[in-house]
Protein backbone atom coordinates (compact mmCIF):
# COMPACT_ATOMS: atom_id res chain seq x y z
CA UNK A 1 0.00 0.00 0.00
CA UNK A 2 1.32 3.50 -0.78
CA UNK A 3 1.95 5.95 2.02
CA UNK A 4 -1.17 7.66 3.34
CA UNK A 5 -1.37 11.03 1.51
CA UNK A 6 -2.27 12.81 4.75
CA UNK A 7 0.96 11.47 6.28
CA UNK A 8 2.84 12.77 3.24
CA UNK A 9 1.29 16.20 3.83
CA UNK A 10 2.39 16.05 7.47
CA UNK A 11 5.92 15.10 6.41
CA UNK A 12 6.03 18.02 3.97
CA UNK A 13 4.89 20.36 6.75
CA UNK A 14 7.50 19.02 9.18
CA UNK A 15 10.25 19.20 6.56
CA UNK A 16 9.38 22.78 5.69
CA UNK A 17 9.29 23.87 9.33
CA UNK A 18 12.38 21.94 10.38
CA UNK A 19 14.42 23.42 7.54
CA UNK A 20 14.24 26.61 9.56
CA UNK A 21 16.30 24.75 12.15
CA UNK A 22 18.83 23.20 9.80
CA UNK A 23 21.87 21.49 11.27
CA UNK A 24 24.87 23.77 11.30
CA UNK A 25 27.66 21.25 11.80
CA UNK A 26 26.22 17.84 11.07
CA UNK A 27 23.91 15.81 13.26
CA UNK A 28 25.88 15.79 16.47
CA UNK A 29 24.26 14.37 19.58
CA UNK A 30 23.41 17.90 20.73
CA UNK A 31 21.88 18.70 17.34
CA UNK A 32 19.75 15.56 17.37
CA UNK A 33 18.42 16.41 20.82
CA UNK A 34 17.72 20.03 19.97
CA UNK A 35 15.94 19.09 16.75
CA UNK A 36 13.83 16.52 18.59
CA UNK A 37 12.55 19.22 20.92
CA UNK A 38 11.89 21.58 18.00
CA UNK A 39 10.00 18.84 16.16
CA UNK A 40 7.87 18.26 19.25
CA UNK A 41 6.80 21.90 19.25
CA UNK A 42 5.16 21.39 15.86
CA UNK A 43 2.59 19.04 17.39
CA UNK A 44 2.38 20.47 20.91
CA UNK A 45 -1.05 21.37 22.27
CA UNK A 46 -2.32 22.68 25.62
CA UNK A 47 -3.52 19.96 27.96
CA UNK A 48 -7.23 19.61 28.59
CA UNK A 49 -8.33 20.95 31.99
CA UNK A 50 -9.18 17.45 33.26
CA UNK A 51 -5.49 16.48 33.19
CA UNK A 52 -3.00 17.40 35.89
CA UNK A 53 0.72 17.16 35.11
CA UNK A 54 3.68 17.48 37.43
CA UNK A 55 7.44 17.04 37.27
CA UNK A 56 8.93 14.64 39.83
CA UNK A 57 12.34 13.11 40.46
CA UNK A 58 13.32 9.58 41.43
CA UNK A 59 16.35 9.62 43.71
CA UNK A 60 18.70 6.73 42.97
CA UNK A 61 22.30 6.07 44.05
CA UNK A 62 24.46 8.61 42.25
CA UNK A 63 21.71 9.98 40.02
CA UNK A 64 18.16 11.27 39.64
CA UNK A 65 15.63 10.10 37.08
CA UNK A 66 13.15 12.85 36.13
CA UNK A 67 9.58 11.78 35.41
CA UNK A 68 6.62 13.72 34.10
CA UNK A 69 3.41 12.48 35.74
CA UNK A 70 0.08 12.95 33.94
CA UNK A 71 -2.94 12.26 36.13
CA UNK A 72 -6.60 12.42 35.11
CA UNK A 73 -8.59 14.02 37.92
CA UNK A 74 -9.97 11.35 40.22
CA UNK A 75 -10.45 10.74 43.92
CA UNK A 76 -9.86 7.01 43.44
CA UNK A 77 -6.60 5.13 42.90
CA UNK A 78 -5.97 4.74 39.18
CA UNK A 79 -3.98 2.29 37.09
CA UNK A 80 -0.60 3.58 35.94
CA UNK A 81 1.28 3.27 32.67
CA UNK A 82 5.05 3.75 32.63
CA UNK A 83 5.83 5.44 29.31
CA UNK A 84 9.30 5.38 27.75
CA UNK A 85 9.95 7.87 24.95
CA UNK A 86 11.61 7.19 21.64
CA UNK A 87 14.47 9.07 20.02
CA UNK A 88 17.00 6.44 18.94
CA UNK A 89 18.10 6.15 22.61
CA UNK A 90 19.96 9.42 22.01
CA UNK A 91 17.31 12.14 21.77
CA UNK A 92 13.82 12.71 23.08
CA UNK A 93 12.45 13.46 26.53
CA UNK A 94 9.17 13.46 28.44
CA UNK A 95 8.68 17.00 27.15
CA UNK A 96 9.29 16.05 23.51
CA UNK A 97 6.76 13.21 23.84
CA UNK A 98 4.21 15.12 25.90
CA UNK A 99 1.67 15.09 23.06
CA UNK A 100 1.77 11.29 23.11
CA UNK A 101 2.05 10.49 26.82
CA UNK A 102 -0.42 13.13 28.02
CA UNK A 103 -2.92 12.08 25.35
CA UNK A 104 -2.65 8.46 26.46
CA UNK A 105 -3.44 9.54 30.02
CA UNK A 106 -6.44 11.61 28.93
CA UNK A 107 -7.82 9.00 26.55
CA UNK A 108 -7.36 5.98 28.82
CA UNK A 109 -8.02 7.47 32.24
CA UNK A 110 -4.77 6.01 33.57
CA UNK A 111 -1.93 7.85 35.26
CA UNK A 112 0.96 8.02 32.82
CA UNK A 113 4.49 8.34 34.17
CA UNK A 114 6.80 9.49 31.38
CA UNK A 115 10.40 8.59 32.20
CA UNK A 116 13.51 10.56 31.27
CA UNK A 117 16.01 7.70 31.32
CA UNK A 118 19.72 8.30 30.81
CA UNK A 119 20.50 8.52 27.11
CA UNK A 120 23.23 7.16 24.89
CA UNK A 121 25.96 7.60 23.84
CA UNK A 122 27.12 9.08 27.16
CA UNK A 123 25.14 6.41 28.99
CA UNK A 124 24.91 3.28 26.83
CA UNK A 125 23.27 -0.01 27.69
CA UNK A 126 22.38 -0.99 30.36
CA UNK A 127 21.92 2.53 31.79
CA UNK A 128 18.66 3.40 29.95
CA UNK A 129 17.26 -0.04 30.70
CA UNK A 130 18.06 0.12 34.40
CA UNK A 131 16.53 3.60 34.72
CA UNK A 132 13.28 2.41 33.17
CA UNK A 133 13.09 -0.60 35.45
CA UNK A 134 13.94 1.58 38.47
CA UNK A 135 11.07 3.93 37.54
CA UNK A 136 8.71 0.97 37.38
CA UNK A 137 9.79 -0.17 40.84
CA UNK A 138 9.48 3.39 42.17
CA UNK A 139 5.93 3.78 40.86
CA UNK A 140 4.84 0.64 42.66
CA UNK A 141 6.70 1.53 45.87
CA UNK A 142 5.11 5.02 45.84
CA UNK A 143 1.69 3.81 44.72
CA UNK A 144 -0.22 5.07 47.75
CA UNK A 145 1.37 8.53 47.63
CA UNK A 146 0.80 8.80 43.86
CA UNK A 147 -2.77 7.48 43.97
CA UNK A 148 -1.89 4.40 41.91
CA UNK A 149 -3.64 1.06 41.95
CA UNK A 150 -0.50 -1.11 42.03
CA UNK A 151 -2.43 -4.17 40.84
CA UNK A 152 -2.99 -2.49 37.47
CA UNK A 153 0.36 -1.40 36.04
CA UNK A 154 1.17 -1.19 32.35
CA UNK A 155 4.27 -0.28 30.37
CA UNK A 156 4.35 1.46 27.01
CA UNK A 157 6.79 3.15 24.70
CA UNK A 158 7.38 4.23 21.14
CA UNK A 159 10.30 3.22 18.93
CA UNK A 160 13.38 2.85 21.17
CA UNK A 161 11.04 3.31 24.12
CA UNK A 162 9.01 0.35 22.91
CA UNK A 163 12.08 -1.83 23.26
CA UNK A 164 12.71 -0.46 26.76
CA UNK A 165 9.10 -1.26 27.69
CA UNK A 166 9.52 -4.84 26.45
CA UNK A 167 12.77 -5.19 28.39
CA UNK A 168 11.02 -3.99 31.55
CA UNK A 169 8.60 -6.90 31.27
CA UNK A 170 11.53 -9.30 31.06
CA UNK A 171 13.34 -7.73 34.00
CA UNK A 172 10.19 -7.69 36.11
CA UNK A 173 9.64 -11.37 35.38
CA UNK A 174 13.25 -12.40 35.93
CA UNK A 175 13.83 -10.24 39.02
CA UNK A 176 10.63 -11.18 40.77
CA UNK A 177 8.51 -8.11 40.08
CA UNK A 178 6.82 -5.73 40.03
CA UNK A 179 3.86 -7.37 38.35
CA UNK A 180 2.95 -5.84 34.99
CA UNK A 181 -0.57 -6.26 33.64
CA UNK A 182 -0.01 -5.18 30.04
CA UNK A 183 2.57 -3.93 27.54
CA UNK A 184 1.91 -1.57 24.63
CA UNK A 185 4.69 -1.23 22.09
CA UNK A 186 4.40 1.46 19.42
CA UNK A 187 6.51 0.80 16.28
CA UNK A 188 9.22 -0.75 18.49
CA UNK A 189 12.78 -1.64 17.57
CA UNK A 190 13.41 -4.97 19.27
CA UNK A 191 16.74 -6.01 17.81
CA UNK A 192 15.59 -8.14 14.88
CA UNK A 193 18.52 -6.91 12.83
CA UNK A 194 18.92 -6.18 9.12
CA UNK A 195 17.74 -9.55 7.80
CA UNK A 196 14.00 -8.91 8.07
CA UNK A 197 11.92 -8.27 4.98
CA UNK A 198 10.76 -4.89 6.29
CA UNK A 199 14.34 -3.73 6.91
CA UNK A 200 15.30 -4.72 3.36
CA UNK A 201 12.18 -3.43 1.64
CA UNK A 202 10.94 -0.42 3.65
CA UNK A 203 13.86 1.79 2.75
CA UNK A 204 11.80 4.87 1.89
CA UNK A 205 10.01 5.45 5.21
CA UNK A 206 9.59 9.21 5.47
CA UNK A 207 10.84 9.45 9.05
CA UNK A 208 13.15 6.47 9.57
CA UNK A 209 15.65 4.91 7.20
CA UNK A 210 17.52 1.64 7.83
CA UNK A 211 20.68 3.66 8.48
CA UNK A 212 18.84 5.38 11.34
CA UNK A 213 18.03 2.02 12.90
CA UNK A 214 21.68 1.01 12.72
CA UNK A 215 22.77 4.33 14.25
CA UNK A 216 20.42 3.83 17.19
CA UNK A 217 21.68 0.33 17.88
CA UNK A 218 25.33 1.41 17.77
CA UNK A 219 24.68 4.34 20.10
CA UNK A 220 22.66 2.24 22.54
CA UNK A 221 25.03 -0.71 22.73
CA UNK A 222 28.28 1.23 22.91
CA UNK A 223 30.98 -1.37 23.51
CA UNK A 224 28.50 -4.07 24.54
CA UNK A 225 27.39 -7.00 22.45
CA UNK A 226 23.62 -7.40 22.04
CA UNK A 227 22.06 -9.73 24.58
CA UNK A 228 18.67 -10.84 25.86
CA UNK A 229 18.04 -7.58 27.77
CA UNK A 230 19.26 -5.15 25.11
CA UNK A 231 17.42 -6.86 22.25
CA UNK A 232 14.27 -8.59 23.56
CA UNK A 233 13.96 -10.87 20.54
CA UNK A 234 17.20 -12.51 21.63
CA UNK A 235 15.76 -13.70 24.95
CA UNK A 236 15.42 -17.48 24.86
CA UNK A 237 12.01 -17.42 26.55
CA UNK A 238 9.14 -14.94 26.52
CA UNK A 239 6.92 -17.20 28.60
CA UNK A 240 5.13 -15.58 31.51
CA UNK A 241 5.21 -12.05 30.11
CA UNK A 242 2.14 -9.80 30.26
CA UNK A 243 -0.28 -9.56 27.34
CA UNK A 244 0.94 -7.30 24.56
CA UNK A 245 -0.49 -4.92 21.99
CA UNK A 246 2.04 -4.06 19.30
CA UNK A 247 1.20 -1.19 16.97
CA UNK A 248 3.43 -1.43 13.90
CA UNK A 249 3.56 0.79 10.82
CA UNK A 250 3.20 -0.97 7.48
CA UNK A 251 5.99 1.03 5.75
CA UNK A 252 8.41 1.13 8.70
CA UNK A 253 11.77 -0.70 8.43
CA UNK A 254 11.05 -1.85 12.02
CA UNK A 255 7.67 -3.35 11.09
CA UNK A 256 8.88 -6.95 11.32
CA UNK A 257 10.42 -6.41 14.77
CA UNK A 258 6.88 -6.15 16.09
CA UNK A 259 5.69 -9.05 13.96
CA UNK A 260 8.43 -11.37 15.20
CA UNK A 261 7.88 -10.33 18.81
CA UNK A 262 4.17 -11.09 18.66
CA UNK A 263 4.83 -14.44 16.99
CA UNK A 264 7.37 -15.34 19.68
CA UNK A 265 5.00 -14.26 22.46
CA UNK A 266 2.20 -16.39 21.04
CA UNK A 267 4.53 -19.37 20.72
CA UNK A 268 5.33 -18.92 24.42
CA UNK A 269 1.64 -18.92 25.33
CA UNK A 270 1.33 -15.17 25.87
CA UNK A 271 -1.70 -13.27 24.60
CA UNK A 272 -0.47 -10.83 21.96
CA UNK A 273 -1.96 -8.68 19.23
CA UNK A 274 -0.16 -7.16 16.26
CA UNK A 275 -1.80 -4.20 14.58
CA UNK A 276 -0.15 -3.26 11.28
CA UNK A 277 -1.33 0.27 10.50
CA UNK A 278 -1.93 0.53 6.74
CA UNK A 279 -0.04 3.18 4.81
CA UNK A 280 1.66 4.38 7.97
CA UNK A 281 5.32 5.20 8.60
CA UNK A 282 7.51 5.26 11.69
CA UNK A 283 6.41 7.94 14.15
CA UNK A 284 2.92 8.31 12.70
CA UNK A 285 1.18 8.81 16.07
CA UNK A 286 2.40 12.40 16.05
CA UNK A 287 0.48 12.98 12.81
CA UNK A 288 -2.94 12.09 14.14
CA UNK A 289 -4.21 15.66 13.77
CA UNK A 290 -3.34 15.39 10.07
CA UNK A 291 -4.21 11.78 9.29
CA UNK A 292 -7.58 10.14 9.91
CA UNK A 293 -5.88 6.72 9.81
CA UNK A 294 -3.33 7.77 12.43
CA UNK A 295 -6.10 9.11 14.66
CA UNK A 296 -8.13 5.91 14.33
CA UNK A 297 -5.08 3.78 15.17
CA UNK A 298 -4.34 5.88 18.24
CA UNK A 299 -7.92 5.61 19.47
CA UNK A 300 -7.93 1.85 18.94
CA UNK A 301 -4.69 1.55 20.88
CA UNK A 302 -6.09 3.55 23.80
CA UNK A 303 -9.20 1.37 23.81
CA UNK A 304 -6.97 -1.70 24.04
CA UNK A 305 -5.08 -0.18 26.97
CA UNK A 306 -8.33 0.69 28.76
CA UNK A 307 -9.60 -2.85 28.38
CA UNK A 308 -6.33 -4.34 29.60
CA UNK A 309 -6.35 -2.15 32.72
CA UNK A 310 -10.11 -2.45 33.35
CA UNK A 311 -10.84 1.22 32.74
CA UNK A 312 -14.12 2.70 31.50
CA UNK A 313 -14.35 5.02 28.53
CA UNK A 314 -13.53 8.50 29.87
CA UNK A 315 -16.47 10.88 30.06
CA UNK A 316 -14.31 13.82 28.99
CA UNK A 317 -13.93 14.91 25.36
CA UNK A 318 -11.27 12.89 23.48
CA UNK A 319 -8.01 14.73 22.93
């Protein structure tokens, strides 16, 4: 299927606007991070009044992990979703992904905790992974103070963050907790490598080329070799993991990462759903104000998350 024309229009808009912020000395790490924040401003919107957001910090030995907490107004304990942002492990932040994480909170009715894990290349694997798992443990330990129902915890992430979410389910299983009820992976990169059909064939994705996938893996791994907790598809067993909803993009070079993960989960007896969004490219959730298909896929994903965490349809206006 050809790329959705509304996505193409979004890409043209982004390209035109981002050309005003052209790189001056090549895409250094600093340039990538700065451009990610500028890109986020193109889709930023004010939060609806029903949503409360606050910056918090997790104190860990030798470091702090900032988190942005989005909470729908409620007097009752709510389920929580730990959200891990994308950005090739190098760029991105809770602020750059606010339009995604805050919208998930508003449209599911769950508390969303968006985690600013340490980023590569200064902090390669396993630093980002350990920060995400530490945030998960913190959310459960602080459940009463945060108004969280600790029996209903989900993890989610987009792109590189999708891989970190999947790894959290493995660490939680292999380290004895916390219990995770559901995982939502949005166009994740899970370490399938360059031999998949989508990596070979989806070379014209508007927002992610195969070279970008390889860059992210090199930055993330540093001097490490890939293993079962850096590349979830390498883990010998996915048995006992929480149910999964994987939202892949048809034209994404990472499409088959999600496909292989769902197949491996099912083979291990885990409930898993793959949704391959037609005509969509990597990062398409940001384009949902432009693309009716992107909007429909986002709404379907939120409905899946609500069902998994036993949440009713919010009475507030969708956002």
